[in-house]
Amino acid sequence: MSAEAFRFLDIGGGPDIFRDPEIMSDLRSVRLARENPQGEYIIFDFQIVPEQASALSSQIPNLHFIIGKIELARGLPLGDKSIDRVEMNFMWTPLTNSVLDKSEDESKKMHNSIVYGRPFIDLYEEALREAVRVLKPGKTLAITEKHERMQRIRRLLSRDSWLDMDGFLISNLGLKYDWPNYKLVEMNDPNMTIYAQNAVNQREYAKKSGDTREAEELLIYTLELYKKE
């Protein structure tokens, strides 16, 4: 494959651990690799079934799997400025929940993760830093989440300062938040991921039930940020 080939990294793009591992053949990045044989598609996740990954990689030569977790002070096994597009789809919950004290009740966990921040968002922030490190200058980091979680991510990125949305991004991550260097759009493709399908189905049920608040929270947004040149 050409050294100049488009390279795509999906952080956390493996299958839901509670689902049939055969679902791997229909993962977003697997589908993209099939549709775009000239690019290179990499999935980084710890929920990857090695046998399934090996079989898929044999069938799709431009598809690669890396089995691993986001960990503090342990970077992704990829070079600096080596990726053209990084995606983090529905990663807020698994990364923030992974360090919560399971003995706490849900309301306390929610309060701590939003108000106090540490250590509840450390892994998510680490994922952002690593995503930007491997991203080529001028290329895109795309974050997709349900409405409420996207709001939390934007608060994290701005350090809770809605009037200074680009401060943390620019000074610490080297991303751009000034128009047209970012884009926040509603995600309307229900087939994007398993989680998108679930949210779309739940939203339809909420709308039919007349629960407009729940329907709004189940809206999915994609935030695209661009690395500084």
Protein backbone atom coordinates (compact mmCIF):
# COMPACT_ATOMS: atom_id res chain seq x y z
CA MET A 1 0.00 0.00 0.00
CA SER A 2 1.27 3.47 -0.86
CA ALA A 3 2.83 5.48 1.95
CA GLU A 4 0.54 8.33 0.89
CA ALA A 5 -2.65 6.28 1.25
CA PHE A 6 -5.45 7.77 3.32
CA ARG A 7 -5.17 6.42 6.88
CA PHE A 8 -8.20 6.20 9.18
CA LEU A 9 -8.15 5.39 12.91
CA ASP A 10 -11.26 4.35 14.85
CA ILE A 11 -10.59 4.59 18.60
CA GLY A 12 -12.91 2.21 20.43
CA GLY A 13 -14.46 1.00 17.20
CA GLY A 14 -14.74 -2.66 18.21
CA PRO A 15 -17.94 -4.62 18.93
CA ASP A 16 -20.22 -4.26 21.93
CA ILE A 17 -18.99 -6.92 24.35
CA PHE A 18 -22.56 -8.02 25.03
CA ARG A 19 -23.25 -8.77 21.36
CA ASP A 20 -22.41 -11.65 19.08
CA PRO A 21 -18.75 -11.28 18.04
CA GLU A 22 -19.91 -11.87 14.46
CA ILE A 23 -21.02 -8.23 14.58
CA MET A 24 -17.38 -7.38 13.85
CA SER A 25 -17.98 -7.99 10.16
CA ASP A 26 -20.44 -5.06 10.14
CA LEU A 27 -18.47 -2.53 12.17
CA ARG A 28 -18.27 0.98 10.73
CA SER A 29 -14.54 0.84 9.93
CA VAL A 30 -14.86 -2.64 8.45
CA ARG A 31 -17.54 -1.39 6.07
CA LEU A 32 -15.46 1.65 5.18
CA ALA A 33 -12.42 -0.53 4.46
CA ARG A 34 -14.48 -2.70 2.11
CA GLU A 35 -15.84 0.36 0.31
CA ASN A 36 -12.48 2.16 0.03
CA PRO A 37 -9.76 -0.37 -0.80
CA GLN A 38 -7.17 2.36 -1.50
CA GLY A 39 -7.21 3.58 2.12
CA GLU A 40 -5.94 2.00 5.33
CA TYR A 41 -8.41 1.48 8.17
CA ILE A 42 -7.32 0.79 11.74
CA ILE A 43 -9.57 -0.21 14.67
CA PHE A 44 -8.17 0.22 18.19
CA ASP A 45 -10.19 -1.53 20.93
CA PHE A 46 -9.84 -4.10 23.69
CA GLN A 47 -13.10 -5.90 22.84
CA ILE A 48 -11.74 -7.33 19.61
CA VAL A 49 -11.94 -11.09 19.14
CA PRO A 50 -8.48 -12.06 17.75
CA GLU A 51 -9.76 -14.91 15.59
CA GLN A 52 -12.43 -12.72 14.04
CA ALA A 53 -9.93 -9.91 13.49
CA SER A 54 -7.47 -12.23 11.78
CA ALA A 55 -10.15 -13.61 9.47
CA LEU A 56 -11.41 -10.15 8.52
CA SER A 57 -7.90 -8.80 7.93
CA SER A 58 -7.23 -11.73 5.59
CA GLN A 59 -10.38 -10.91 3.62
CA ILE A 60 -9.78 -7.13 3.65
CA PRO A 61 -6.03 -6.38 3.27
CA ASN A 62 -6.43 -2.66 4.04
CA LEU A 63 -8.09 -3.36 7.41
CA HIS A 64 -6.02 -3.64 10.60
CA PHE A 65 -6.92 -4.28 14.23
CA ILE A 66 -4.96 -3.20 17.31
CA ILE A 67 -6.09 -4.81 20.56
CA GLY A 68 -5.56 -2.42 23.46
CA LYS A 69 -7.03 0.09 25.91
CA ILE A 70 -6.63 3.80 26.41
CA GLU A 71 -4.35 4.08 29.44
CA LEU A 72 -2.70 7.01 31.16
CA ALA A 73 0.94 7.57 30.21
CA ARG A 74 0.75 4.77 27.64
CA GLY A 75 0.23 6.04 24.13
CA LEU A 76 -1.34 4.49 21.08
CA PRO A 77 1.09 2.24 19.17
CA LEU A 78 1.08 4.60 16.19
CA GLY A 79 3.52 7.23 15.02
CA ASP A 80 3.15 11.00 15.35
CA LYS A 81 1.30 12.73 12.49
CA SER A 82 0.55 9.43 10.76
CA ILE A 83 -3.28 9.44 10.47
CA ASP A 84 -5.59 11.45 8.18
CA ARG A 85 -8.80 11.04 10.17
CA VAL A 86 -9.45 9.90 13.73
CA GLU A 87 -12.92 9.01 14.97
CA MET A 88 -14.11 8.56 18.55
CA ASN A 89 -17.69 7.34 18.36
CA PHE A 90 -19.67 7.01 21.62
CA MET A 91 -16.51 6.80 23.74
CA TRP A 92 -17.47 9.21 26.55
CA THR A 93 -19.35 6.63 28.62
CA PRO A 94 -16.88 3.73 28.45
CA LEU A 95 -13.86 5.94 29.15
CA THR A 96 -15.39 7.94 32.01
CA ASN A 97 -17.23 4.99 33.60
CA SER A 98 -14.11 2.85 33.61
CA VAL A 99 -12.68 4.80 36.55
CA LEU A 100 -15.81 5.48 38.57
CA ASP A 101 -16.21 3.98 42.03
CA LYS A 102 -18.89 1.34 41.53
CA SER A 103 -20.01 1.75 45.15
CA GLU A 104 -21.25 5.28 44.50
CA ASP A 105 -24.85 5.84 43.58
CA GLU A 106 -25.57 7.11 40.07
CA SER A 107 -26.38 10.69 41.08
CA LYS A 108 -23.11 11.06 43.01
CA LYS A 109 -21.08 9.59 40.16
CA MET A 110 -22.73 11.99 37.73
CA HIS A 111 -22.08 14.95 40.03
CA ASN A 112 -18.43 14.06 40.54
CA SER A 113 -17.71 13.45 36.86
CA ILE A 114 -19.16 16.81 35.80
CA VAL A 115 -18.26 19.11 38.70
CA TYR A 116 -14.97 17.75 39.99
CA GLY A 117 -13.68 16.30 36.75
CA ARG A 118 -10.69 14.34 38.08
CA PRO A 119 -10.04 11.48 37.78
CA PHE A 120 -13.27 10.80 35.94
CA ILE A 121 -12.30 12.44 32.67
CA ASP A 122 -8.58 11.68 32.67
CA LEU A 123 -8.90 8.73 30.28
CA TYR A 124 -11.10 10.69 27.89
CA GLU A 125 -8.63 13.54 27.88
CA GLU A 126 -5.80 11.06 27.29
CA ALA A 127 -7.71 9.68 24.30
CA LEU A 128 -8.05 13.21 22.92
CA ARG A 129 -4.35 13.90 23.35
CA GLU A 130 -3.37 10.66 21.64
CA ALA A 131 -5.87 11.23 18.84
CA VAL A 132 -4.30 14.62 18.14
CA ARG A 133 -0.74 13.30 18.45
CA VAL A 134 -1.23 10.72 15.69
CA LEU A 135 -3.27 13.08 13.50
CA LYS A 136 -1.58 14.84 10.61
CA PRO A 137 -1.64 18.67 10.63
CA GLY A 138 -4.74 20.03 8.96
CA LYS A 139 -6.63 16.74 9.34
CA THR A 140 -9.79 15.87 11.26
CA LEU A 141 -10.75 14.48 14.65
CA ALA A 142 -14.44 13.52 14.64
CA ILE A 143 -16.32 12.93 17.90
CA THR A 144 -19.83 11.47 17.79
CA GLU A 145 -22.09 11.32 20.87
CA LYS A 146 -25.66 11.68 22.04
CA HIS A 147 -26.73 15.24 22.80
CA GLU A 148 -26.16 15.23 26.57
CA ARG A 149 -22.73 13.63 26.35
CA MET A 150 -21.70 16.00 23.57
CA GLN A 151 -22.56 18.87 25.90
CA ARG A 152 -20.25 17.39 28.54
CA ILE A 153 -17.44 17.00 26.02
CA ARG A 154 -17.77 20.60 24.90
CA ARG A 155 -17.65 21.69 28.54
CA LEU A 156 -14.52 19.61 29.05
CA LEU A 157 -12.87 21.10 25.98
CA SER A 158 -13.67 24.63 27.11
CA ARG A 159 -12.93 24.03 30.81
CA ASP A 160 -16.54 25.09 31.49
CA SER A 161 -16.01 28.48 29.87
CA TRP A 162 -18.64 28.80 27.14
CA LEU A 163 -17.16 32.14 26.12
CA ASP A 164 -13.72 30.66 25.49
CA MET A 165 -14.47 27.45 23.63
CA ASP A 166 -11.12 27.35 21.87
CA GLY A 167 -8.84 28.09 24.83
CA PHE A 168 -8.17 24.54 26.00
CA LEU A 169 -8.34 23.12 22.50
CA ILE A 170 -5.79 25.43 20.99
CA SER A 171 -3.33 25.72 23.89
CA ASN A 172 -3.34 22.10 25.02
CA LEU A 173 -4.44 19.93 22.11
CA GLY A 174 -3.45 21.96 19.08
CA LEU A 175 -6.92 21.87 17.54
CA LYS A 176 -8.95 24.65 15.96
CA TYR A 177 -12.40 25.69 17.12
CA ASP A 178 -12.89 28.88 15.13
CA TRP A 179 -15.22 28.73 12.13
CA PRO A 180 -14.68 27.20 9.57
CA ASN A 181 -12.17 25.01 11.43
CA TYR A 182 -14.81 23.03 13.26
CA LYS A 183 -18.22 21.62 12.48
CA LEU A 184 -21.03 20.42 14.76
CA VAL A 185 -23.82 18.64 12.91
CA GLU A 186 -26.67 16.29 13.73
CA MET A 187 -25.75 12.74 12.74
CA ASN A 188 -28.57 11.21 10.71
CA ASP A 189 -27.06 7.89 9.62
CA PRO A 190 -28.62 5.15 11.80
CA ASN A 191 -26.23 2.60 10.33
CA MET A 192 -23.14 4.46 11.46
CA THR A 193 -22.61 2.24 14.53
CA ILE A 194 -24.54 -0.16 16.75
CA TYR A 195 -24.99 2.63 19.28
CA ALA A 196 -26.38 4.99 16.66
CA GLN A 197 -28.94 2.37 15.66
CA ASN A 198 -29.99 1.94 19.29
CA ALA A 199 -30.31 5.70 19.85
CA VAL A 200 -32.38 6.18 16.70
CA ASN A 201 -34.74 3.37 17.71
CA GLN A 202 -35.05 4.72 21.26
CA ARG A 203 -35.70 8.21 19.93
CA GLU A 204 -38.50 6.99 17.69
CA TYR A 205 -40.08 5.26 20.68
CA ALA A 206 -39.74 8.42 22.81
CA LYS A 207 -41.35 10.53 20.08
CA LYS A 208 -44.26 8.11 19.76
CA SER A 209 -44.65 8.15 23.54
CA GLY A 210 -44.72 11.95 23.57
CA ASP A 211 -41.51 12.23 25.60
CA THR A 212 -40.01 15.23 23.82
CA ARG A 213 -37.24 15.72 26.39
CA GLU A 214 -35.98 12.16 26.00
CA ALA A 215 -36.24 12.46 22.22
CA GLU A 216 -34.05 15.57 22.30
CA GLU A 217 -31.44 13.90 24.52
CA LEU A 218 -31.25 11.01 22.05
CA LEU A 219 -30.25 13.28 19.19
CA ILE A 220 -26.76 12.38 17.99
CA TYR A 221 -24.17 14.98 17.02
CA THR A 222 -20.79 14.80 15.37
CA LEU A 223 -18.19 17.40 16.29
CA GLU A 224 -15.36 17.70 13.75
CA LEU A 225 -12.20 19.50 14.88
CA TYR A 226 -9.15 20.23 12.77
CA LYS A 227 -5.53 20.00 13.86
CA LYS A 228 -3.49 23.15 13.48
CA GLU A 229 -1.03 23.21 10.59
